[in-house]
Amino acid sequence: EGMVQAFRRGQSNHEIAHFKLRGLDAGAEYVLTNLDTGESQ
């Protein structure tokens, strides 16, 4: 288990960013939940 915290600064023109995660099991699946929106994938 773990978490990602991401921050978009005030003058960024990009609404989406991609972040390569670390330390995960490549052969496993992960359920990710955005605590702000409640959306899971």
All heavy atoms as atom14 arrays in JSON, in Angstrom:
{
  "sequence": "EGMVQAFRRGQSNHEIAHFKLRGLDAGAEYVLTNLDTGESQ",
  "atom14_mask": [
    [1, 1, 1, 1, 1, 1, 1, 1, 1, 0, 0, 0, 0, 0],
    [1, 1, 1, 1, 0, 0, 0, 0, 0, 0, 0, 0, 0, 0],
    [1, 1, 1, 1, 1, 1, 1, 1, 0, 0, 0, 0, 0, 0],
    [1, 1, 1, 1, 1, 1, 1, 0, 0, 0, 0, 0, 0, 0],
    [1, 1, 1, 1, 1, 1, 1, 1, 1, 0, 0, 0, 0, 0],
    [1, 1, 1, 1, 1, 0, 0, 0, 0, 0, 0, 0, 0, 0],
    [1, 1, 1, 1, 1, 1, 1, 1, 1, 1, 1, 0, 0, 0],
    [1, 1, 1, 1, 1, 1, 1, 1, 1, 1, 1, 0, 0, 0],
    [1, 1, 1, 1, 1, 1, 1, 1, 1, 1, 1, 0, 0, 0],
    [1, 1, 1, 1, 0, 0, 0, 0, 0, 0, 0, 0, 0, 0],
    [1, 1, 1, 1, 1, 1, 1, 1, 1, 0, 0, 0, 0, 0],
    [1, 1, 1, 1, 1, 1, 0, 0, 0, 0, 0, 0, 0, 0],
    [1, 1, 1, 1, 1, 1, 1, 1, 0, 0, 0, 0, 0, 0],
    [1, 1, 1, 1, 1, 1, 1, 1, 1, 1, 0, 0, 0, 0],
    [1, 1, 1, 1, 1, 1, 1, 1, 1, 0, 0, 0, 0, 0],
    [1, 1, 1, 1, 1, 1, 1, 1, 0, 0, 0, 0, 0, 0],
    [1, 1, 1, 1, 1, 0, 0, 0, 0, 0, 0, 0, 0, 0],
    [1, 1, 1, 1, 1, 1, 1, 1, 1, 1, 0, 0, 0, 0],
    [1, 1, 1, 1, 1, 1, 1, 1, 1, 1, 1, 0, 0, 0],
    [1, 1, 1, 1, 1, 1, 1, 1, 1, 0, 0, 0, 0, 0],
    [1, 1, 1, 1, 1, 1, 1, 1, 0, 0, 0, 0, 0, 0],
    [1, 1, 1, 1, 1, 1, 1, 1, 1, 1, 1, 0, 0, 0],
    [1, 1, 1, 1, 0, 0, 0, 0, 0, 0, 0, 0, 0, 0],
    [1, 1, 1, 1, 1, 1, 1, 1, 0, 0, 0, 0, 0, 0],
    [1, 1, 1, 1, 1, 1, 1, 1, 0, 0, 0, 0, 0, 0],
    [1, 1, 1, 1, 1, 0, 0, 0, 0, 0, 0, 0, 0, 0],
    [1, 1, 1, 1, 0, 0, 0, 0, 0, 0, 0, 0, 0, 0],
    [1, 1, 1, 1, 1, 0, 0, 0, 0, 0, 0, 0, 0, 0],
    [1, 1, 1, 1, 1, 1, 1, 1, 1, 0, 0, 0, 0, 0],
    [1, 1, 1, 1, 1, 1, 1, 1, 1, 1, 1, 1, 0, 0],
    [1, 1, 1, 1, 1, 1, 1, 0, 0, 0, 0, 0, 0, 0],
    [1, 1, 1, 1, 1, 1, 1, 1, 0, 0, 0, 0, 0, 0],
    [1, 1, 1, 1, 1, 1, 1, 0, 0, 0, 0, 0, 0, 0],
    [1, 1, 1, 1, 1, 1, 1, 1, 0, 0, 0, 0, 0, 0],
    [1, 1, 1, 1, 1, 1, 1, 1, 0, 0, 0, 0, 0, 0],
    [1, 1, 1, 1, 1, 1, 1, 1, 0, 0, 0, 0, 0, 0],
    [1, 1, 1, 1, 1, 1, 1, 0, 0, 0, 0, 0, 0, 0],
    [1, 1, 1, 1, 0, 0, 0, 0, 0, 0, 0, 0, 0, 0],
    [1, 1, 1, 1, 1, 1, 1, 1, 1, 0, 0, 0, 0, 0],
    [1, 1, 1, 1, 1, 1, 0, 0, 0, 0, 0, 0, 0, 0],
    [1, 1, 1, 1, 1, 1, 1, 1, 1, 0, 0, 0, 0, 0]
  ],
  "atom14_positions": [
    [[0.84, -1.2, 0.0], [0.0, 0.0, 0.0], [0.87, 1.24, 0.0], [2.04, 1.2, 0.34], [-0.9, 0.04, 1.24], [-1.84, -1.12, 1.37], [-2.7, -1.03, 2.62], [-2.68, 0.01, 3.3], [-3.4, -2.01, 2.9], [0.0, 0.0, 0.0], [0.0, 0.0, 0.0], [0.0, 0.0, 0.0], [0.0, 0.0, 0.0], [0.0, 0.0, 0.0]],
    [[0.24, 2.36, -0.36], [0.95, 3.63, -0.31], [0.08, 4.76, -0.82], [-1.14, 4.6, -0.97], [0.0, 0.0, 0.0], [0.0, 0.0, 0.0], [0.0, 0.0, 0.0], [0.0, 0.0, 0.0], [0.0, 0.0, 0.0], [0.0, 0.0, 0.0], [0.0, 0.0, 0.0], [0.0, 0.0, 0.0], [0.0, 0.0, 0.0], [0.0, 0.0, 0.0]],
    [[0.72, 5.88, -1.08], [-0.01, 7.04, -1.59], [0.9, 7.91, -2.44], [2.11, 7.87, -2.32], [-0.59, 7.87, -0.45], [0.42, 8.7, 0.28], [-0.37, 9.92, 1.32], [1.02, 10.48, 2.27], [0.0, 0.0, 0.0], [0.0, 0.0, 0.0], [0.0, 0.0, 0.0], [0.0, 0.0, 0.0], [0.0, 0.0, 0.0], [0.0, 0.0, 0.0]],
    [[0.23, 8.68, -3.3], [0.89, 9.68, -4.12], [0.25, 11.02, -3.79], [-0.98, 11.12, -3.73], [0.72, 9.37, -5.63], [1.26, 10.5, -6.49], [1.38, 8.05, -5.98], [0.0, 0.0, 0.0], [0.0, 0.0, 0.0], [0.0, 0.0, 0.0], [0.0, 0.0, 0.0], [0.0, 0.0, 0.0], [0.0, 0.0, 0.0], [0.0, 0.0, 0.0]],
    [[1.07, 12.02, -3.57], [0.59, 13.39, -3.4], [1.16, 14.2, -4.56], [2.37, 14.2, -4.78], [1.05, 13.99, -2.07], [0.43, 13.3, -0.87], [0.96, 13.86, 0.44], [2.17, 13.91, 0.65], [0.06, 14.27, 1.3], [0.0, 0.0, 0.0], [0.0, 0.0, 0.0], [0.0, 0.0, 0.0], [0.0, 0.0, 0.0], [0.0, 0.0, 0.0]],
    [[0.27, 14.87, -5.3], [0.69, 15.67, -6.46], [0.17, 17.08, -6.3], [-0.94, 17.3, -5.78], [0.15, 15.05, -7.74], [0.0, 0.0, 0.0], [0.0, 0.0, 0.0], [0.0, 0.0, 0.0], [0.0, 0.0, 0.0], [0.0, 0.0, 0.0], [0.0, 0.0, 0.0], [0.0, 0.0, 0.0], [0.0, 0.0, 0.0], [0.0, 0.0, 0.0]],
    [[0.96, 18.04, -6.78], [0.62, 19.45, -6.64], [0.86, 20.16, -7.97], [1.94, 20.09, -8.54], [1.49, 20.11, -5.56], [1.37, 19.44, -4.23], [2.18, 18.37, -3.89], [0.42, 19.87, -3.32], [2.06, 17.74, -2.66], [0.28, 19.25, -2.08], [1.11, 18.19, -1.76], [0.0, 0.0, 0.0], [0.0, 0.0, 0.0], [0.0, 0.0, 0.0]],
    [[-0.17, 20.84, -8.44], [-0.08, 21.67, -9.64], [0.05, 23.12, -9.18], [-0.8, 23.64, -8.47], [-1.34, 21.5, -10.49], [-1.35, 22.37, -11.72], [-2.67, 22.25, -12.46], [-2.67, 23.07, -13.66], [-3.75, 23.36, -14.34], [-4.93, 22.89, -13.97], [-3.66, 24.12, -15.41], [0.0, 0.0, 0.0], [0.0, 0.0, 0.0], [0.0, 0.0, 0.0]],
    [[1.11, 23.77, -9.61], [1.31, 25.16, -9.21], [0.45, 26.1, -10.04], [-0.08, 25.74, -11.09], [2.79, 25.5, -9.32], [3.61, 24.68, -8.32], [4.75, 25.45, -7.74], [5.39, 24.73, -6.67], [6.53, 24.05, -6.81], [7.13, 23.96, -7.97], [7.05, 23.45, -5.76], [0.0, 0.0, 0.0], [0.0, 0.0, 0.0], [0.0, 0.0, 0.0]],
    [[0.34, 27.33, -9.56], [-0.61, 28.3, -10.09], [-0.45, 28.71, -11.53], [-1.41, 29.14, -12.16], [0.0, 0.0, 0.0], [0.0, 0.0, 0.0], [0.0, 0.0, 0.0], [0.0, 0.0, 0.0], [0.0, 0.0, 0.0], [0.0, 0.0, 0.0], [0.0, 0.0, 0.0], [0.0, 0.0, 0.0], [0.0, 0.0, 0.0], [0.0, 0.0, 0.0]],
    [[0.74, 28.6, -12.1], [0.94, 29.03, -13.48], [1.15, 27.86, -14.44], [1.51, 28.08, -15.6], [2.13, 30.0, -13.55], [1.87, 31.28, -12.79], [3.09, 32.19, -12.77], [4.06, 31.98, -13.46], [3.03, 33.23, -11.94], [0.0, 0.0, 0.0], [0.0, 0.0, 0.0], [0.0, 0.0, 0.0], [0.0, 0.0, 0.0], [0.0, 0.0, 0.0]],
    [[0.87, 26.65, -13.98], [1.02, 25.49, -14.85], [-0.11, 25.43, -15.86], [-1.28, 25.54, -15.5], [1.03, 24.19, -14.04], [1.0, 23.09, -14.91], [0.0, 0.0, 0.0], [0.0, 0.0, 0.0], [0.0, 0.0, 0.0], [0.0, 0.0, 0.0], [0.0, 0.0, 0.0], [0.0, 0.0, 0.0], [0.0, 0.0, 0.0], [0.0, 0.0, 0.0]],
    [[0.23, 25.26, -17.13], [-0.76, 25.15, -18.2], [-1.25, 23.72, -18.4], [-2.13, 23.48, -19.22], [-0.18, 25.67, -19.52], [0.07, 27.16, -19.46], [-0.68, 27.89, -18.83], [1.14, 27.6, -20.11], [0.0, 0.0, 0.0], [0.0, 0.0, 0.0], [0.0, 0.0, 0.0], [0.0, 0.0, 0.0], [0.0, 0.0, 0.0], [0.0, 0.0, 0.0]],
    [[-0.68, 22.77, -17.68], [-0.99, 21.36, -17.88], [-1.94, 20.86, -16.79], [-1.63, 20.97, -15.61], [0.29, 20.52, -17.87], [1.29, 20.99, -18.87], [1.16, 20.76, -20.22], [2.42, 21.73, -18.72], [2.19, 21.3, -20.86], [2.96, 21.9, -19.96], [0.0, 0.0, 0.0], [0.0, 0.0, 0.0], [0.0, 0.0, 0.0], [0.0, 0.0, 0.0]],
    [[-3.08, 20.31, -17.2], [-4.06, 19.76, -16.25], [-3.74, 18.32, -15.87], [-4.27, 17.82, -14.88], [-5.47, 19.8, -16.83], [-6.09, 21.16, -16.83], [-7.57, 21.13, -17.19], [-8.17, 20.03, -17.21], [-8.11, 22.2, -17.44], [0.0, 0.0, 0.0], [0.0, 0.0, 0.0], [0.0, 0.0, 0.0], [0.0, 0.0, 0.0], [0.0, 0.0, 0.0]],
    [[-2.92, 17.64, -16.66], [-2.6, 16.24, -16.4], [-1.09, 16.06, -16.41], [-0.39, 16.62, -17.27], [-3.23, 15.32, -17.47], [-4.75, 15.43, -17.42], [-2.79, 13.87, -17.27], [-5.46, 14.65, -18.5], [0.0, 0.0, 0.0], [0.0, 0.0, 0.0], [0.0, 0.0, 0.0], [0.0, 0.0, 0.0], [0.0, 0.0, 0.0], [0.0, 0.0, 0.0]],
    [[-0.61, 15.28, -15.46], [0.8, 14.9, -15.41], [0.89, 13.4, -15.18], [-0.01, 12.8, -14.59], [1.53, 15.67, -14.31], [0.0, 0.0, 0.0], [0.0, 0.0, 0.0], [0.0, 0.0, 0.0], [0.0, 0.0, 0.0], [0.0, 0.0, 0.0], [0.0, 0.0, 0.0], [0.0, 0.0, 0.0], [0.0, 0.0, 0.0], [0.0, 0.0, 0.0]],
    [[1.97, 12.78, -15.68], [2.19, 11.35, -15.51], [3.4, 11.16, -14.58], [4.44, 11.8, -14.77], [2.46, 10.67, -16.85], [1.27, 10.63, -17.73], [0.85, 11.7, -18.47], [0.37, 9.64, -17.95], [-0.24, 11.37, -19.14], [-0.55, 10.13, -18.84], [0.0, 0.0, 0.0], [0.0, 0.0, 0.0], [0.0, 0.0, 0.0], [0.0, 0.0, 0.0]],
    [[3.24, 10.25, -13.63], [4.29, 9.99, -12.65], [4.58, 8.49, -12.6], [3.68, 7.7, -12.32], [3.87, 10.47, -11.26], [3.49, 11.92, -11.23], [2.16, 12.3, -11.13], [4.45, 12.91, -11.31], [1.79, 13.64, -11.11], [4.09, 14.25, -11.3], [2.78, 14.61, -11.19], [0.0, 0.0, 0.0], [0.0, 0.0, 0.0], [0.0, 0.0, 0.0]],
    [[5.81, 8.12, -12.9], [6.21, 6.72, -12.8], [6.41, 6.39, -11.33], [7.25, 7.0, -10.65], [7.5, 6.48, -13.59], [7.3, 6.56, -15.09], [8.57, 6.24, -15.83], [8.35, 6.32, -17.33], [9.57, 5.98, -18.07], [0.0, 0.0, 0.0], [0.0, 0.0, 0.0], [0.0, 0.0, 0.0], [0.0, 0.0, 0.0], [0.0, 0.0, 0.0]],
    [[5.62, 5.42, -10.85], [5.71, 5.05, -9.45], [6.89, 4.13, -9.22], [7.48, 3.6, -10.16], [4.4, 4.39, -9.0], [3.14, 5.26, -9.17], [1.96, 4.61, -8.45], [3.35, 6.68, -8.67], [0.0, 0.0, 0.0], [0.0, 0.0, 0.0], [0.0, 0.0, 0.0], [0.0, 0.0, 0.0], [0.0, 0.0, 0.0], [0.0, 0.0, 0.0]],
    [[7.25, 3.96, -7.96], [8.42, 3.19, -7.59], [8.06, 2.17, -6.53], [7.08, 2.32, -5.81], [9.5, 4.15, -7.05], [9.72, 5.38, -7.9], [11.02, 5.5, -8.62], [12.2, 5.2, -7.88], [12.98, 6.07, -7.28], [12.66, 7.36, -7.27], [14.08, 5.7, -6.66], [0.0, 0.0, 0.0], [0.0, 0.0, 0.0], [0.0, 0.0, 0.0]],
    [[8.86, 1.13, -6.42], [8.73, 0.16, -5.35], [7.55, -0.79, -5.45], [7.27, -1.53, -4.51], [0.0, 0.0, 0.0], [0.0, 0.0, 0.0], [0.0, 0.0, 0.0], [0.0, 0.0, 0.0], [0.0, 0.0, 0.0], [0.0, 0.0, 0.0], [0.0, 0.0, 0.0], [0.0, 0.0, 0.0], [0.0, 0.0, 0.0], [0.0, 0.0, 0.0]],
    [[6.84, -0.8, -6.58], [5.67, -1.66, -6.72], [6.04, -3.03, -7.27], [7.1, -3.22, -7.85], [4.64, -1.0, -7.66], [4.15, 0.39, -7.28], [3.08, 0.86, -8.28], [3.61, 0.43, -5.87], [0.0, 0.0, 0.0], [0.0, 0.0, 0.0], [0.0, 0.0, 0.0], [0.0, 0.0, 0.0], [0.0, 0.0, 0.0], [0.0, 0.0, 0.0]],
    [[5.13, -3.98, -7.11], [5.27, -5.32, -7.66], [4.78, -5.28, -9.11], [3.59, -5.06, -9.36], [4.43, -6.29, -6.83], [4.48, -7.72, -7.33], [5.01, -7.98, -8.43], [3.96, -8.58, -6.6], [0.0, 0.0, 0.0], [0.0, 0.0, 0.0], [0.0, 0.0, 0.0], [0.0, 0.0, 0.0], [0.0, 0.0, 0.0], [0.0, 0.0, 0.0]],
    [[5.68, -5.48, -10.04], [5.33, -5.37, -11.46], [4.28, -6.39, -11.88], [3.5, -6.15, -12.79], [6.58, -5.54, -12.33], [0.0, 0.0, 0.0], [0.0, 0.0, 0.0], [0.0, 0.0, 0.0], [0.0, 0.0, 0.0], [0.0, 0.0, 0.0], [0.0, 0.0, 0.0], [0.0, 0.0, 0.0], [0.0, 0.0, 0.0], [0.0, 0.0, 0.0]],
    [[4.21, -7.54, -11.21], [3.27, -8.58, -11.57], [1.91, -8.48, -10.89], [1.04, -9.31, -11.13], [0.0, 0.0, 0.0], [0.0, 0.0, 0.0], [0.0, 0.0, 0.0], [0.0, 0.0, 0.0], [0.0, 0.0, 0.0], [0.0, 0.0, 0.0], [0.0, 0.0, 0.0], [0.0, 0.0, 0.0], [0.0, 0.0, 0.0], [0.0, 0.0, 0.0]],
    [[1.71, -7.46, -10.08], [0.46, -7.32, -9.33], [-0.42, -6.23, -9.95], [0.04, -5.44, -10.76], [0.75, -6.96, -7.88], [0.0, 0.0, 0.0], [0.0, 0.0, 0.0], [0.0, 0.0, 0.0], [0.0, 0.0, 0.0], [0.0, 0.0, 0.0], [0.0, 0.0, 0.0], [0.0, 0.0, 0.0], [0.0, 0.0, 0.0], [0.0, 0.0, 0.0]],
    [[-1.68, -6.23, -9.54], [-2.58, -5.14, -9.87], [-2.79, -4.3, -8.62], [-2.73, -4.81, -7.5], [-3.93, -5.68, -10.37], [-3.85, -6.28, -11.75], [-5.22, -6.52, -12.35], [-6.2, -6.67, -11.59], [-5.3, -6.54, -13.59], [0.0, 0.0, 0.0], [0.0, 0.0, 0.0], [0.0, 0.0, 0.0], [0.0, 0.0, 0.0], [0.0, 0.0, 0.0]],
    [[-3.05, -3.02, -8.84], [-3.25, -2.08, -7.74], [-4.57, -1.35, -7.93], [-4.9, -0.92, -9.03], [-2.1, -1.07, -7.68], [-0.81, -1.7, -7.22], [0.04, -2.35, -8.11], [-0.45, -1.67, -5.88], [1.21, -2.96, -7.68], [0.72, -2.27, -5.44], [1.54, -2.91, -6.34], [2.7, -3.51, -5.9], [0.0, 0.0, 0.0], [0.0, 0.0, 0.0]],
    [[-5.29, -1.21, -6.83], [-6.5, -0.4, -6.82], [-6.1, 0.97, -6.3], [-5.58, 1.1, -5.19], [-7.59, -1.03, -5.91], [-8.82, -0.14, -5.87], [-7.95, -2.42, -6.41], [0.0, 0.0, 0.0], [0.0, 0.0, 0.0], [0.0, 0.0, 0.0], [0.0, 0.0, 0.0], [0.0, 0.0, 0.0], [0.0, 0.0, 0.0], [0.0, 0.0, 0.0]],
    [[-6.33, 1.99, -7.13], [-5.97, 3.37, -6.79], [-7.24, 4.18, -6.57], [-8.17, 4.09, -7.36], [-5.15, 3.99, -7.92], [-3.83, 3.28, -8.22], [-3.99, 2.4, -9.43], [-2.73, 4.27, -8.39], [0.0, 0.0, 0.0], [0.0, 0.0, 0.0], [0.0, 0.0, 0.0], [0.0, 0.0, 0.0], [0.0, 0.0, 0.0], [0.0, 0.0, 0.0]],
    [[-7.26, 4.96, -5.5], [-8.42, 5.78, -5.18], [-7.99, 7.21, -4.95], [-7.1, 7.48, -4.13], [-9.15, 5.26, -3.92], [-9.51, 3.89, -4.12], [-10.39, 6.08, -3.62], [0.0, 0.0, 0.0], [0.0, 0.0, 0.0], [0.0, 0.0, 0.0], [0.0, 0.0, 0.0], [0.0, 0.0, 0.0], [0.0, 0.0, 0.0], [0.0, 0.0, 0.0]],
    [[-8.6, 8.13, -5.69], [-8.35, 9.55, -5.52], [-9.2, 10.01, -4.34], [-10.44, 9.95, -4.4], [-8.72, 10.31, -6.79], [-8.39, 11.78, -6.72], [-8.64, 12.44, -5.71], [-7.85, 12.32, -7.79], [0.0, 0.0, 0.0], [0.0, 0.0, 0.0], [0.0, 0.0, 0.0], [0.0, 0.0, 0.0], [0.0, 0.0, 0.0], [0.0, 0.0, 0.0]],
    [[-8.57, 10.43, -3.25], [-9.32, 10.82, -2.06], [-10.12, 12.09, -2.25], [-11.09, 12.32, -1.51], [-8.37, 10.96, -0.86], [-7.68, 9.69, -0.39], [-6.83, 9.98, 0.85], [-8.67, 8.58, -0.12], [0.0, 0.0, 0.0], [0.0, 0.0, 0.0], [0.0, 0.0, 0.0], [0.0, 0.0, 0.0], [0.0, 0.0, 0.0], [0.0, 0.0, 0.0]],
    [[-9.77, 12.9, -3.23], [-10.49, 14.15, -3.46], [-11.78, 13.93, -4.25], [-12.79, 14.56, -4.0], [-9.59, 15.16, -4.18], [-8.36, 15.5, -3.35], [-8.53, 15.86, -2.18], [-7.25, 15.38, -3.88], [0.0, 0.0, 0.0], [0.0, 0.0, 0.0], [0.0, 0.0, 0.0], [0.0, 0.0, 0.0], [0.0, 0.0, 0.0], [0.0, 0.0, 0.0]],
    [[-11.73, 13.0, -5.21], [-12.89, 12.76, -6.06], [-13.65, 11.49, -5.7], [-14.79, 11.31, -6.11], [-12.47, 12.65, -7.54], [-11.66, 11.48, -7.71], [-11.72, 13.89, -8.0], [0.0, 0.0, 0.0], [0.0, 0.0, 0.0], [0.0, 0.0, 0.0], [0.0, 0.0, 0.0], [0.0, 0.0, 0.0], [0.0, 0.0, 0.0], [0.0, 0.0, 0.0]],
    [[-12.98, 10.58, -5.0], [-13.58, 9.3, -4.67], [-13.51, 8.29, -5.8], [-13.94, 7.15, -5.65], [0.0, 0.0, 0.0], [0.0, 0.0, 0.0], [0.0, 0.0, 0.0], [0.0, 0.0, 0.0], [0.0, 0.0, 0.0], [0.0, 0.0, 0.0], [0.0, 0.0, 0.0], [0.0, 0.0, 0.0], [0.0, 0.0, 0.0], [0.0, 0.0, 0.0]],
    [[-12.97, 8.68, -6.94], [-12.87, 7.78, -8.1], [-11.78, 6.73, -7.88], [-10.71, 7.04, -7.35], [-12.56, 8.57, -9.36], [-13.65, 9.52, -9.77], [-13.27, 10.39, -10.97], [-12.18, 10.18, -11.54], [-14.06, 11.26, -11.31], [0.0, 0.0, 0.0], [0.0, 0.0, 0.0], [0.0, 0.0, 0.0], [0.0, 0.0, 0.0], [0.0, 0.0, 0.0]],
    [[-12.08, 5.49, -8.29], [-11.12, 4.4, -8.18], [-10.86, 3.79, -9.54], [-11.71, 3.85, -10.43], [-11.66, 3.31, -7.24], [-11.69, 3.76, -5.92], [0.0, 0.0, 0.0], [0.0, 0.0, 0.0], [0.0, 0.0, 0.0], [0.0, 0.0, 0.0], [0.0, 0.0, 0.0], [0.0, 0.0, 0.0], [0.0, 0.0, 0.0], [0.0, 0.0, 0.0]],
    [[-9.69, 3.2, -9.67], [-9.33, 2.47, -10.88], [-8.34, 1.38, -10.5], [-7.67, 1.47, -9.48], [-8.74, 3.4, -11.94], [-7.45, 4.09, -11.52], [-6.9, 5.0, -12.59], [-6.95, 4.69, -13.77], [-6.35, 6.13, -12.19], [0.0, 0.0, 0.0], [0.0, 0.0, 0.0], [0.0, 0.0, 0.0], [0.0, 0.0, 0.0], [0.0, 0.0, 0.0]]
  ]
}
